[in-house]
Protein backbone atom coordinates (compact mmCIF):
# COMPACT_ATOMS: atom_id res chain seq x y z
CA MET A 1 345.03 -26.50 92.67
CA ARG A 2 347.55 -28.27 90.45
CA LYS A 3 346.60 -29.48 87.06
CA ASN A 4 344.80 -32.85 87.19
CA TYR A 5 346.86 -35.46 85.25
CA LYS A 6 344.35 -38.23 85.35
CA THR A 7 345.81 -40.83 82.99
CA ALA A 8 342.45 -41.74 81.33
CA GLY A 9 342.05 -38.07 80.48
CA LEU A 10 345.41 -37.64 78.94
CA ILE A 11 346.04 -40.50 76.57
CA CYS A 12 344.51 -43.29 74.77
CA ALA A 13 345.55 -46.90 75.33
CA GLY A 14 347.74 -47.02 72.19
CA LEU A 15 349.74 -43.99 73.19
CA MET A 16 350.46 -45.54 76.47
CA LEU A 17 351.54 -48.73 75.06
CA SER A 18 353.76 -47.00 72.52
CA LEU A 19 355.47 -44.91 75.25
CA THR A 20 355.80 -47.85 77.61
CA ASN A 21 357.58 -49.85 74.91
CA ILE A 22 359.93 -46.96 74.21
CA ASN A 23 360.93 -46.49 77.84
CA ALA A 24 360.89 -50.27 78.62
CA GLN A 25 360.20 -49.63 82.25
CA VAL A 26 358.23 -52.13 84.34
CA VAL A 27 355.23 -50.40 85.86
CA SER A 28 353.59 -51.30 89.14
CA ASP A 29 349.90 -50.55 88.34
CA PHE A 30 348.38 -53.17 90.90
CA GLU A 31 345.87 -54.41 88.29
CA SER A 32 347.00 -58.07 88.61
CA LEU A 33 345.90 -58.13 92.26
CA THR A 34 342.38 -59.48 93.18
CA LEU A 35 339.82 -57.58 95.12
CA SER A 36 336.06 -57.91 95.44
CA ALA A 37 334.10 -54.67 94.62
CA SER A 38 334.58 -51.57 96.82
CA SER A 39 337.14 -53.19 99.03
CA HIS A 40 340.83 -53.08 100.13
CA TRP A 41 343.50 -55.53 101.38
CA ASP A 42 345.57 -54.41 104.32
CA GLY A 43 346.65 -57.72 105.93
CA SER A 44 343.66 -58.03 108.13
CA ASP A 45 343.08 -61.55 106.76
CA TYR A 46 346.14 -62.61 108.85
CA SER A 47 347.66 -64.13 105.65
CA GLY A 48 351.13 -62.95 106.68
CA THR A 49 353.76 -64.50 108.86
CA HIS A 50 352.87 -64.21 112.51
CA ASN A 51 355.31 -62.72 115.07
CA SER A 52 354.48 -61.28 118.49
CA GLY A 53 351.04 -60.13 117.41
CA GLU A 54 352.09 -58.76 114.03
CA PHE A 55 351.41 -60.41 110.68
CA ILE A 56 354.19 -59.52 108.17
CA SER A 57 353.58 -60.02 104.44
CA THR A 58 354.32 -58.57 100.94
CA PHE A 59 352.52 -58.20 97.75
CA ASN A 60 354.07 -57.66 94.31
CA SER A 61 353.25 -55.59 91.27
CA GLY A 62 355.48 -55.02 88.35
CA ASP A 63 359.11 -55.10 89.81
CA GLY A 64 357.91 -53.59 93.08
CA ILE A 65 357.78 -55.66 96.45
CA PHE A 66 355.49 -53.91 98.81
CA ASN A 67 355.74 -54.87 102.51
CA ASN A 68 352.70 -54.92 104.84
CA VAL A 69 352.43 -55.10 108.62
CA PHE A 70 349.03 -55.76 110.39
CA ASP A 71 349.22 -55.46 114.14
CA THR A 72 346.76 -57.32 116.38
CA GLY A 73 348.53 -56.70 119.67
CA THR A 74 347.05 -58.73 122.32
CA ASN A 75 343.56 -58.56 120.95
CA ALA A 76 343.09 -61.07 118.14
CA ALA A 77 339.67 -59.53 117.27
CA TRP A 78 340.97 -56.14 116.56
CA GLY A 79 343.97 -54.83 114.62
CA TYR A 80 345.28 -52.11 112.30
CA MET A 81 348.00 -51.50 109.61
CA PRO A 82 350.72 -49.39 111.37
CA ALA A 83 353.21 -49.58 108.49
CA GLY A 84 353.72 -50.66 104.89
CA PHE A 85 351.30 -50.75 102.07
CA ALA A 86 347.78 -51.86 101.20
CA TYR A 87 345.82 -51.95 97.83
CA SER A 88 342.40 -50.82 97.11
CA ASN A 89 339.67 -50.28 94.44
CA LYS A 90 337.50 -48.09 96.61
CA THR A 91 336.00 -44.85 95.25
CA ASP A 92 334.77 -43.22 98.51
CA ASN A 93 336.02 -39.55 98.65
CA THR A 94 333.70 -38.30 101.26
CA THR A 95 333.95 -40.63 104.35
CA SER A 96 336.07 -38.67 106.81
CA THR A 97 337.72 -41.81 108.33
CA GLU A 98 338.28 -43.67 105.18
CA GLY A 99 342.07 -44.28 105.05
CA PHE A 100 342.04 -46.91 102.28
CA SER A 101 340.33 -44.83 99.57
CA ALA A 102 341.82 -42.27 97.33
CA PHE A 103 340.56 -38.59 97.73
CA ALA A 104 340.50 -38.49 93.84
CA GLY A 105 337.60 -40.90 93.93
CA ASN A 106 339.17 -43.55 91.64
CA ALA A 107 342.49 -45.04 90.49
CA ALA A 108 344.87 -43.04 88.19
CA SER A 109 344.44 -45.83 85.61
CA GLY A 110 342.49 -49.01 85.73
CA THR A 111 340.70 -49.71 88.98
CA LEU A 112 343.37 -50.60 91.58
CA TYR A 113 345.85 -48.41 93.33
CA ALA A 114 348.02 -48.67 96.45
CA ILE A 115 347.86 -46.91 99.98
CA GLY A 116 351.09 -46.15 101.81
CA LYS A 117 351.98 -45.16 105.34
CA ASN A 118 354.77 -43.29 106.82
CA LYS A 119 358.28 -44.91 106.83
CA SER A 120 357.23 -47.63 104.42
CA THR A 121 359.69 -48.99 101.92
CA VAL A 122 359.17 -50.51 98.43
CA VAL A 123 361.96 -52.92 97.38
CA LEU A 124 362.79 -53.12 93.65
CA SER A 125 363.39 -56.43 91.88
CA GLY A 126 364.09 -57.69 88.33
CA SER A 127 365.22 -55.25 85.59
CA THR A 128 364.12 -52.32 87.73
CA LYS A 129 366.58 -52.96 90.65
CA GLY A 130 369.44 -50.57 90.53
CA THR A 131 367.98 -48.29 87.83
CA THR A 132 366.52 -44.82 87.93
CA LEU A 133 362.77 -44.69 88.51
CA THR A 134 360.41 -42.39 86.51
CA GLY A 135 357.87 -41.50 89.13
CA MET A 136 354.38 -42.24 90.16
CA TYR A 137 350.85 -40.84 90.33
CA LEU A 138 349.97 -39.50 93.76
CA THR A 139 346.89 -38.20 95.74
CA ASN A 140 345.78 -37.86 99.33
CA SER A 141 343.72 -40.63 101.04
CA THR A 142 340.23 -39.70 101.74
CA TYR A 143 340.97 -39.79 105.41
CA ALA A 144 343.82 -37.28 105.21
CA GLY A 145 342.18 -35.03 102.70
CA MET A 146 338.96 -34.76 104.71
CA SER A 147 340.96 -34.15 107.96
CA MET A 148 342.81 -31.29 106.48
CA LYS A 149 339.77 -29.86 104.86
CA ASN A 150 337.23 -30.05 107.70
CA GLY A 151 339.34 -31.10 110.66
CA ASP A 152 338.73 -34.03 113.06
CA THR A 153 339.25 -34.97 116.63
CA PHE A 154 343.08 -34.51 116.29
CA GLY A 155 343.77 -32.84 113.10
CA LYS A 156 343.18 -29.23 112.66
CA ILE A 157 341.56 -27.50 109.64
CA PHE A 158 344.39 -26.42 107.35
CA GLY A 159 344.72 -22.75 106.68
CA THR A 160 343.65 -21.85 110.26
CA ASP A 161 345.84 -21.12 113.28
CA THR A 162 343.68 -22.88 115.83
CA THR A 163 344.08 -26.35 117.26
CA THR A 164 341.18 -28.76 117.49
CA THR A 165 339.00 -28.73 120.75
CA TYR A 166 340.84 -31.87 121.85
CA TYR A 167 343.96 -29.74 122.26
CA GLY A 168 342.12 -26.75 123.63
CA GLY A 169 341.18 -24.81 120.61
CA VAL A 170 344.25 -22.65 121.02
CA ASN A 171 346.52 -20.73 118.70
CA ASP A 172 348.96 -23.24 117.29
CA GLY A 173 351.51 -20.71 116.09
CA THR A 174 351.48 -21.64 112.41
CA ASN A 175 349.54 -18.46 111.27
CA GLY A 176 347.57 -20.95 109.01
CA GLU A 177 350.68 -21.75 107.01
CA ASP A 178 350.06 -25.52 106.91
CA TRP A 179 351.55 -28.18 104.87
CA PHE A 180 351.50 -32.05 104.38
CA LEU A 181 354.65 -33.39 102.70
CA LEU A 182 355.65 -36.78 101.24
CA THR A 183 359.43 -37.25 100.89
CA ALA A 184 360.89 -40.20 98.97
CA ILE A 185 364.42 -41.38 99.99
CA GLY A 186 366.46 -43.65 97.67
CA TYR A 187 368.46 -46.54 98.96
CA SER A 188 371.23 -48.51 97.24
CA GLY A 189 373.01 -51.57 98.76
CA GLY A 190 370.97 -51.03 101.97
CA SER A 191 372.17 -47.50 102.66
CA PRO A 192 370.31 -44.15 101.79
CA THR A 193 371.74 -42.11 99.02
CA SER A 194 372.05 -38.47 99.31
CA ASN A 195 369.17 -37.88 96.88
CA LYS A 196 365.47 -37.20 97.78
CA ALA A 197 362.25 -36.21 96.05
CA GLU A 198 359.48 -34.16 97.65
CA PHE A 199 355.81 -33.68 97.01
CA TYR A 200 353.36 -31.45 99.00
CA LEU A 201 350.06 -33.19 99.39
CA ALA A 202 348.77 -29.92 100.82
CA ASP A 203 350.37 -26.44 100.95
CA PHE A 204 348.87 -23.28 102.56
CA ARG A 205 352.01 -21.22 102.67
CA PHE A 206 351.25 -19.11 99.55
CA ALA A 207 351.16 -15.25 99.93
CA ASN A 208 347.96 -15.41 97.85
CA ASN A 209 345.52 -17.66 99.69
CA ALA A 210 343.74 -18.50 96.45
CA GLN A 211 346.80 -20.59 95.69
CA ASP A 212 346.48 -22.83 98.85
CA TYR A 213 345.55 -26.39 98.00
CA ILE A 214 344.83 -29.90 99.22
CA VAL A 215 345.47 -32.47 96.41
CA ASP A 216 342.28 -34.16 95.47
CA SER A 217 343.32 -35.34 91.99
CA TRP A 218 346.06 -37.70 90.64
CA GLU A 219 349.26 -35.77 90.32
CA TRP A 220 352.68 -36.84 88.94
CA MET A 221 355.56 -37.13 91.44
CA ASP A 222 359.00 -37.28 89.68
CA LEU A 223 361.29 -39.76 91.24
CA SER A 224 364.18 -39.56 88.64
CA ALA A 225 366.18 -37.34 91.07
CA LEU A 226 366.71 -40.27 93.36
CA GLY A 227 369.16 -41.81 90.77
CA ASN A 228 369.89 -45.46 90.56
CA VAL A 229 368.21 -47.19 93.51
CA ASP A 230 367.12 -50.59 94.72
CA SER A 231 364.57 -49.52 97.22
CA VAL A 232 362.55 -46.33 98.15
CA GLN A 233 361.31 -45.18 101.50
CA PHE A 234 358.46 -42.83 101.95
CA LEU A 235 358.27 -40.42 104.74
CA LEU A 236 355.16 -38.35 105.79
CA THR A 237 355.48 -35.04 107.68
CA SER A 238 353.02 -32.32 108.54
CA SER A 239 352.89 -28.80 110.06
CA ASP A 240 350.20 -30.08 112.45
CA THR A 241 352.07 -31.45 115.46
CA THR A 242 350.28 -30.00 118.36
CA GLY A 243 350.28 -32.44 121.41
CA GLY A 244 353.85 -33.73 121.11
CA PHE A 245 352.91 -37.08 119.70
CA GLY A 246 353.96 -36.62 116.08
CA MET A 247 351.77 -35.34 113.36
CA ASN A 248 348.01 -35.12 113.67
CA THR A 249 347.32 -35.38 109.97
CA PRO A 250 346.20 -38.97 109.16
CA ASN A 251 349.19 -41.11 108.14
CA PHE A 252 348.01 -42.30 104.67
CA PHE A 253 348.72 -41.48 100.99
CA ALA A 254 347.48 -43.06 97.86
CA PHE A 255 349.60 -43.82 94.78
CA ASP A 256 349.30 -45.58 91.35
CA ASP A 257 351.40 -46.49 88.34
CA PHE A 258 354.63 -46.63 90.31
CA ASN A 259 357.49 -46.23 87.79
CA GLY A 260 354.98 -45.38 85.11
CA VAL A 261 354.67 -42.90 82.33
CA GLY A 262 354.57 -39.18 83.43
CA PRO A 263 352.75 -36.36 81.69
CA ASN A 264 356.01 -34.82 80.29
CA ALA A 265 356.92 -38.00 78.59
CA ILE A 266 353.36 -38.26 77.14
CA ASP A 267 353.55 -34.70 75.85
CA GLU A 268 356.89 -35.39 74.26
CA LEU A 269 355.58 -38.45 72.37
CA ALA A 270 352.35 -36.72 71.32
CA ALA A 271 354.49 -33.93 69.87
CA LYS A 272 356.87 -36.18 67.97
CA PRO A 273 356.35 -35.94 64.16
CA THR A 274 354.90 -39.02 62.60
CA LEU A 275 354.93 -40.58 59.13
CA ASN A 276 352.69 -43.39 57.92
CA LEU A 277 353.68 -45.03 54.71
CA TYR A 278 351.46 -47.54 52.75
CA PRO A 279 351.42 -50.04 51.29
CA ASN A 280 354.68 -51.58 52.51
CA PRO A 281 356.05 -53.50 50.66
CA ALA A 282 354.94 -51.69 47.58
CA THR A 283 355.34 -52.27 43.80
CA ASN A 284 354.24 -49.18 41.89
CA MET A 285 353.02 -46.47 44.30
CA VAL A 286 353.35 -45.56 47.87
CA SER A 287 351.34 -43.05 49.74
CA ILE A 288 352.29 -41.11 52.92
CA LYS A 289 350.36 -39.44 55.74
CA THR A 290 352.29 -37.17 58.02
CA SER A 291 351.40 -35.31 61.28
CA PHE A 292 352.73 -32.08 59.71
CA GLU A 293 352.65 -30.29 56.27
CA THR A 294 355.57 -31.55 54.14
CA SER A 295 357.58 -29.37 51.66
CA LEU A 296 359.75 -32.16 50.30
CA VAL A 297 359.61 -35.95 50.10
CA SER A 298 362.80 -37.96 49.19
CA VAL A 299 363.49 -41.62 48.53
CA ILE A 300 367.01 -42.75 49.55
CA ASP A 301 368.69 -46.00 48.80
CA LEU A 302 370.97 -48.08 51.22
CA THR A 303 374.04 -46.21 50.04
CA GLY A 304 372.64 -42.89 51.11
CA LYS A 305 371.97 -41.71 47.53
CA THR A 306 368.75 -39.69 46.91
CA VAL A 307 367.03 -41.48 44.08
CA LEU A 308 363.71 -39.68 43.91
CA THR A 309 362.37 -36.37 45.16
CA THR A 310 358.76 -35.02 45.06
CA THR A 311 356.36 -32.69 46.79
CA GLN A 312 353.51 -35.11 46.51
CA ASN A 313 352.06 -37.44 49.06
CA ASN A 314 351.47 -40.20 46.42
CA ILE A 315 354.87 -41.27 45.07
CA ASP A 316 355.51 -43.36 41.88
CA ILE A 317 358.27 -45.89 42.56
CA SER A 318 357.58 -48.22 39.62
CA LYS A 319 361.02 -47.33 38.03
CA LEU A 320 362.93 -48.16 41.20
CA THR A 321 364.96 -51.38 41.44
CA ALA A 322 363.59 -53.88 43.92
CA GLY A 323 365.20 -53.52 47.35
CA VAL A 324 365.17 -51.53 50.63
CA TYR A 325 364.72 -47.77 50.60
CA PHE A 326 364.09 -44.97 53.08
CA LEU A 327 361.43 -42.26 52.49
CA LYS A 328 362.08 -38.94 54.16
CA ALA A 329 359.38 -36.35 54.56
CA GLU A 330 360.39 -32.89 55.82
CA ASN A 331 359.63 -29.14 56.07
CA ALA A 332 361.77 -26.22 57.46
CA ASN A 333 361.12 -27.40 61.09
CA GLN A 334 360.47 -31.15 61.08
CA VAL A 335 361.84 -34.27 59.43
CA VAL A 336 360.94 -37.96 59.76
CA THR A 337 362.17 -41.11 57.94
CA GLU A 338 360.47 -44.47 57.31
CA LYS A 339 361.91 -47.61 55.81
CA PHE A 340 360.01 -49.49 52.94
CA ILE A 341 360.55 -52.27 50.62
CA LYS A 342 360.19 -51.99 46.80
CA GLN A 343 359.07 -55.26 45.29
């Protein structure tokens, strides 16, 4: 099973805020949407525009515009979401038919997340339109996860070579080498680009069966390979296609923090050397605190001239002329500089 990159377990709120400011991307985290406890929205309130039995609508988060289709057909008392996106705060990761809950049992961050279906497209707006996306956190829906784990009426148990009893319980020819794949395709100007990104929500093709997995935690899907895009389409495919009607694996996936901060970026920020300097402005003394052991501290004026050097963390600046200076702390491997004002 892949490493669990749950946001809450990785970083504190301050670190997330710092990195978000640095990258300046607009994140779709769905937290501004409104839901009652343990519920989801899928368009079944008929709030969309009606057209031949379908209700078409959108919801927004960050710079993402997420379409929704709710189909009632000829029976107004019944319907389902055949395409598009929903949003949810459900935590049910055990009910086998729960398509609108994350198999991880919660959101990647906050309380809300989105559910997507095959061939659904998110349209980008604002400053994100035409730019390169970072990625998103991704997990299975509970419906898909439980189907692959235990099987259901149509979907087989992944890792086996036998169809369900509905299809006769016969050998399906896969040798148990099953997979469930999400593919993201970038669009620009209404046309698909040549770039795509892939993420296996389940993979049972390893020579060592101990490496087989069904994703049940929040994992990062990198979307930067798509390049500059103005929309992204998501496609779901599966090895379980017995019956000739497409895939038998439930057509749902869960995602959160679309265009958010990935674990690699977090690690990079956490590893960056830091220097805290106080007080600032200062009159007689400044003190420093660094994230590494320093071997030399230098004070540099605006002309680039080094006016003071020391190996101490408490520095006497009383003899310096009032003005703006830079304090540089370093060792053989790291260096960091901070501006301060001498009063």
